[in-house]
N, C-alpha and C. Protein backbone atom coordinates (compact mmCIF):
# COMPACT_ATOMS: atom_id res chain seq x y z
N GLN A 1 17.12 51.02 245.73
CA GLN A 1 15.82 50.68 246.36
C GLN A 1 15.35 51.92 247.15
N LEU A 2 14.22 52.45 246.73
CA LEU A 2 13.63 53.61 247.43
C LEU A 2 12.67 53.17 248.50
N GLU A 3 12.59 53.92 249.54
CA GLU A 3 11.67 53.64 250.63
C GLU A 3 11.13 54.95 251.19
N THR A 4 9.87 54.98 251.51
CA THR A 4 9.27 56.17 252.13
C THR A 4 9.53 56.07 253.61
N LEU A 5 10.30 57.06 254.16
CA LEU A 5 10.59 57.09 255.57
C LEU A 5 9.51 57.76 256.38
N GLU A 6 8.94 58.82 255.83
CA GLU A 6 7.89 59.53 256.54
C GLU A 6 7.09 60.34 255.48
N GLN A 7 5.76 60.44 255.74
CA GLN A 7 4.93 61.26 254.86
C GLN A 7 3.83 61.84 255.67
N GLU A 8 3.52 63.09 255.35
CA GLU A 8 2.45 63.82 256.08
C GLU A 8 1.49 64.40 254.99
N GLU A 9 0.22 64.21 255.19
CA GLU A 9 -0.85 64.73 254.39
C GLU A 9 -1.76 65.57 255.20
N GLN A 10 -2.25 66.71 254.64
CA GLN A 10 -3.18 67.51 255.37
C GLN A 10 -4.23 68.06 254.47
N GLU A 11 -5.53 67.96 254.88
CA GLU A 11 -6.61 68.47 254.11
C GLU A 11 -7.51 69.30 255.01
N ARG A 12 -7.90 70.51 254.58
CA ARG A 12 -8.69 71.31 255.39
C ARG A 12 -9.89 71.89 254.55
N LEU A 13 -11.08 71.68 255.02
CA LEU A 13 -12.28 72.21 254.33
C LEU A 13 -12.88 73.31 255.18
N GLU A 14 -13.09 74.48 254.63
CA GLU A 14 -13.68 75.59 255.36
C GLU A 14 -15.17 75.67 254.97
N LEU A 15 -16.06 75.19 255.85
CA LEU A 15 -17.49 75.21 255.59
C LEU A 15 -18.13 76.11 256.61
N LYS A 16 -18.35 77.35 256.26
CA LYS A 16 -18.92 78.39 257.12
C LYS A 16 -18.47 78.21 258.57
N ALA A 17 -19.31 77.73 259.43
CA ALA A 17 -18.97 77.62 260.85
C ALA A 17 -18.52 76.22 261.23
N HIS A 18 -18.23 75.41 260.26
CA HIS A 18 -17.88 73.99 260.54
C HIS A 18 -16.71 73.48 259.75
N PRO A 19 -15.49 74.01 260.08
CA PRO A 19 -14.26 73.55 259.33
C PRO A 19 -14.00 72.09 259.65
N VAL A 20 -13.44 71.37 258.68
CA VAL A 20 -13.03 69.97 258.85
C VAL A 20 -11.62 69.89 258.49
N GLU A 21 -10.78 69.24 259.34
CA GLU A 21 -9.35 69.03 259.11
C GLU A 21 -9.01 67.61 259.25
N ARG A 22 -8.36 67.07 258.20
CA ARG A 22 -7.88 65.66 258.18
C ARG A 22 -6.40 65.65 258.03
N ARG A 23 -5.77 64.81 258.85
CA ARG A 23 -4.26 64.68 258.74
C ARG A 23 -3.96 63.18 258.72
N THR A 24 -2.96 62.84 257.87
CA THR A 24 -2.53 61.48 257.82
C THR A 24 -0.96 61.58 257.98
N HIS A 25 -0.45 60.87 258.94
CA HIS A 25 0.99 60.83 259.16
C HIS A 25 1.44 59.34 259.04
N MET A 26 2.41 59.09 258.18
CA MET A 26 2.96 57.78 258.02
C MET A 26 4.43 57.84 258.34
N VAL A 27 4.91 56.90 259.21
CA VAL A 27 6.29 56.85 259.54
C VAL A 27 6.76 55.42 259.56
N SER A 28 7.89 55.27 258.88
CA SER A 28 8.56 53.91 258.80
C SER A 28 9.35 53.66 260.06
N HIS A 29 9.37 52.41 260.51
CA HIS A 29 10.21 52.06 261.65
C HIS A 29 10.79 50.64 261.37
N GLN A 30 11.50 50.15 262.27
CA GLN A 30 12.25 48.86 262.09
C GLN A 30 11.31 47.72 261.68
N HIS A 31 10.12 47.65 262.24
CA HIS A 31 9.21 46.53 262.01
C HIS A 31 8.17 46.78 260.92
N GLY A 32 8.11 48.02 260.39
CA GLY A 32 7.14 48.29 259.34
C GLY A 32 6.75 49.72 259.24
N LEU A 33 5.47 49.97 259.30
CA LEU A 33 4.96 51.35 259.10
C LEU A 33 3.77 51.60 260.03
N THR A 34 3.72 52.77 260.60
CA THR A 34 2.58 53.22 261.37
C THR A 34 1.90 54.37 260.71
N VAL A 35 0.59 54.24 260.55
CA VAL A 35 -0.26 55.29 259.93
C VAL A 35 -1.12 55.88 261.00
N THR A 36 -1.09 57.16 261.21
CA THR A 36 -1.99 57.85 262.21
C THR A 36 -2.85 58.84 261.46
N LYS A 37 -4.20 58.60 261.61
CA LYS A 37 -5.22 59.46 261.00
C LYS A 37 -5.82 60.33 262.08
N THR A 38 -5.93 61.60 261.87
CA THR A 38 -6.50 62.55 262.78
C THR A 38 -7.62 63.34 262.09
N LEU A 39 -8.80 63.35 262.69
CA LEU A 39 -9.91 64.09 262.14
C LEU A 39 -10.44 65.05 263.18
N ARG A 40 -10.60 66.31 262.73
CA ARG A 40 -11.16 67.35 263.63
C ARG A 40 -12.28 68.05 262.93
N GLU A 41 -13.47 68.08 263.51
CA GLU A 41 -14.60 68.69 262.93
C GLU A 41 -15.06 69.84 263.82
N GLY A 42 -15.02 71.09 263.26
CA GLY A 42 -15.41 72.22 264.04
C GLY A 42 -14.53 72.42 265.22
N GLU A 43 -15.10 72.65 266.39
CA GLU A 43 -14.35 72.89 267.64
C GLU A 43 -14.28 71.61 268.45
N ALA A 44 -14.73 70.49 267.92
CA ALA A 44 -14.67 69.21 268.68
C ALA A 44 -13.25 68.76 268.90
N GLU A 45 -13.02 67.90 269.85
CA GLU A 45 -11.69 67.32 270.10
C GLU A 45 -11.30 66.42 268.87
N PRO A 46 -10.06 66.46 268.52
CA PRO A 46 -9.59 65.61 267.44
C PRO A 46 -9.78 64.11 267.72
N GLN A 47 -10.16 63.37 266.69
CA GLN A 47 -10.30 61.91 266.83
C GLN A 47 -9.11 61.29 266.09
N CYS A 48 -8.39 60.44 266.79
CA CYS A 48 -7.17 59.77 266.22
C CYS A 48 -7.37 58.28 266.15
N GLN A 49 -6.80 57.75 265.09
CA GLN A 49 -6.72 56.26 264.89
C GLN A 49 -5.33 55.99 264.36
N SER A 50 -4.75 54.87 264.81
CA SER A 50 -3.46 54.45 264.33
C SER A 50 -3.54 53.01 263.83
N PHE A 51 -2.81 52.75 262.77
CA PHE A 51 -2.75 51.42 262.18
C PHE A 51 -1.28 51.10 262.00
N SER A 52 -0.87 49.89 262.33
CA SER A 52 0.50 49.46 262.09
C SER A 52 0.51 48.26 261.13
N TYR A 53 1.48 48.25 260.23
CA TYR A 53 1.61 47.28 259.27
C TYR A 53 3.06 46.70 259.24
N GLY A 54 3.21 45.40 259.13
CA GLY A 54 4.53 44.78 259.11
C GLY A 54 5.25 44.92 257.76
N ARG A 55 6.52 44.77 257.76
CA ARG A 55 7.29 44.92 256.49
C ARG A 55 6.84 43.92 255.39
N ALA A 56 6.44 42.74 255.77
CA ALA A 56 6.02 41.76 254.74
C ALA A 56 4.74 42.20 254.01
N GLU A 57 3.85 42.84 254.75
CA GLU A 57 2.56 43.38 254.16
C GLU A 57 2.86 44.51 253.24
N LEU A 58 3.91 45.22 253.39
CA LEU A 58 4.20 46.49 252.75
C LEU A 58 5.15 46.35 251.58
N GLN A 59 5.54 45.14 251.24
CA GLN A 59 6.50 44.92 250.18
C GLN A 59 6.00 45.57 248.93
N GLY A 60 6.68 46.60 248.40
CA GLY A 60 6.29 47.28 247.19
C GLY A 60 5.28 48.40 247.40
N LEU A 61 5.14 48.85 248.67
CA LEU A 61 4.18 49.90 248.98
C LEU A 61 4.33 51.16 248.14
N LEU A 62 3.27 51.68 247.67
CA LEU A 62 3.30 52.89 246.84
C LEU A 62 2.45 53.95 247.51
N PRO A 63 3.05 54.80 248.37
CA PRO A 63 2.30 55.89 249.01
C PRO A 63 1.93 56.95 247.99
N GLU A 64 1.10 57.88 248.40
CA GLU A 64 0.57 58.83 247.46
C GLU A 64 1.65 59.67 246.77
N GLY A 65 2.66 60.13 247.42
CA GLY A 65 3.72 60.89 246.77
C GLY A 65 4.45 60.08 245.73
N ALA A 66 4.71 58.81 245.99
CA ALA A 66 5.39 57.98 245.02
C ALA A 66 4.46 57.60 243.86
N SER A 67 3.14 57.58 244.13
CA SER A 67 2.14 57.29 243.08
C SER A 67 2.11 58.43 242.09
N LEU A 68 2.21 59.65 242.55
CA LEU A 68 2.17 60.78 241.64
C LEU A 68 3.43 60.79 240.77
N LEU A 69 4.59 60.49 241.36
CA LEU A 69 5.79 60.37 240.57
C LEU A 69 5.68 59.25 239.54
N LEU A 70 5.18 58.09 239.90
CA LEU A 70 5.01 57.00 238.94
C LEU A 70 4.11 57.39 237.80
N LEU A 71 2.99 58.03 238.10
CA LEU A 71 2.10 58.49 237.07
C LEU A 71 2.75 59.42 236.06
N ARG A 72 3.60 60.29 236.55
CA ARG A 72 4.35 61.22 235.63
C ARG A 72 5.30 60.43 234.69
N VAL A 73 5.98 59.44 235.31
CA VAL A 73 6.93 58.63 234.52
C VAL A 73 6.14 57.81 233.47
N LEU A 74 5.02 57.23 233.85
CA LEU A 74 4.22 56.48 232.91
C LEU A 74 3.68 57.39 231.81
N ALA A 75 3.28 58.59 232.14
CA ALA A 75 2.82 59.54 231.14
C ALA A 75 3.92 59.93 230.11
N CYS A 76 5.15 60.10 230.64
CA CYS A 76 6.24 60.45 229.71
C CYS A 76 6.57 59.23 228.78
N GLN A 77 6.38 58.02 229.34
CA GLN A 77 6.65 56.87 228.51
C GLN A 77 5.43 56.53 227.62
N ARG A 78 4.33 57.09 227.91
CA ARG A 78 3.05 56.84 227.16
C ARG A 78 2.70 55.35 227.11
N ALA A 79 2.98 54.68 228.23
CA ALA A 79 2.71 53.25 228.28
C ALA A 79 2.52 52.84 229.76
N VAL A 80 1.59 51.88 229.96
CA VAL A 80 1.37 51.34 231.30
C VAL A 80 1.50 49.81 231.16
N PRO A 81 2.52 49.24 231.83
CA PRO A 81 2.68 47.77 231.78
C PRO A 81 1.41 47.08 232.22
N PRO A 82 1.03 45.94 231.61
CA PRO A 82 -0.16 45.26 232.05
C PRO A 82 0.04 44.69 233.50
N GLY A 83 -1.03 44.68 234.24
CA GLY A 83 -0.98 44.08 235.58
C GLY A 83 -0.17 44.87 236.61
N LEU A 84 -0.09 46.17 236.42
CA LEU A 84 0.71 46.95 237.35
C LEU A 84 -0.14 47.26 238.61
N ILE A 85 0.15 46.51 239.64
CA ILE A 85 -0.61 46.56 240.92
C ILE A 85 0.41 46.74 242.08
N PHE A 86 0.08 47.66 243.05
CA PHE A 86 0.95 47.90 244.23
C PHE A 86 0.08 47.90 245.48
N PRO A 87 0.69 47.51 246.58
CA PRO A 87 -0.02 47.80 247.86
C PRO A 87 -0.05 49.30 248.09
N ALA A 88 -1.12 49.83 248.74
CA ALA A 88 -1.23 51.25 248.97
C ALA A 88 -2.00 51.45 250.30
N ILE A 89 -2.07 52.66 250.73
CA ILE A 89 -2.83 53.04 251.98
C ILE A 89 -4.00 53.87 251.47
N ASP A 90 -5.24 53.45 251.81
CA ASP A 90 -6.41 54.23 251.34
C ASP A 90 -6.61 55.44 252.23
N SER A 91 -7.63 56.21 251.95
CA SER A 91 -7.90 57.50 252.64
C SER A 91 -8.27 57.28 254.12
N GLU A 92 -8.67 56.10 254.50
CA GLU A 92 -8.96 55.81 255.89
C GLU A 92 -7.75 55.24 256.65
N GLY A 93 -6.66 55.04 255.93
CA GLY A 93 -5.43 54.49 256.61
C GLY A 93 -5.30 53.00 256.58
N HIS A 94 -6.17 52.30 255.79
CA HIS A 94 -6.15 50.86 255.68
C HIS A 94 -5.36 50.43 254.52
N LEU A 95 -4.75 49.25 254.53
CA LEU A 95 -4.03 48.70 253.42
C LEU A 95 -4.97 48.32 252.33
N CYS A 96 -4.64 48.62 251.10
CA CYS A 96 -5.42 48.27 249.93
C CYS A 96 -4.54 48.07 248.73
N THR A 97 -5.03 47.94 247.58
CA THR A 97 -4.20 47.81 246.41
C THR A 97 -4.52 48.90 245.41
N SER A 98 -3.51 49.31 244.66
CA SER A 98 -3.62 50.34 243.71
C SER A 98 -3.23 49.75 242.35
N SER A 99 -4.09 49.82 241.36
CA SER A 99 -3.77 49.27 240.03
C SER A 99 -3.83 50.39 238.96
N TYR A 100 -3.09 50.24 237.96
CA TYR A 100 -2.93 51.20 236.87
C TYR A 100 -3.39 50.64 235.60
């Protein structure tokens, strides 16, 4: 049984005098998962939001790193089982579903 213990994502856009940086940090703990989103635009102070999810909500969670691995396995098998749906975290840090 595989489980994501921690995941960090970083995106940076260089737009002349207005860079934008987005970070997502996910960390697993005893009661579930905490997702922290940080957005920094230009020289402004970073804006942070945190979301926590319980273990029951996350049963079968497929974070981005695991999703990429699954896509490679499905490509090698050249088949996608019908109804393949997993809980996932969207770009805003909210719980959603991912279907293939």
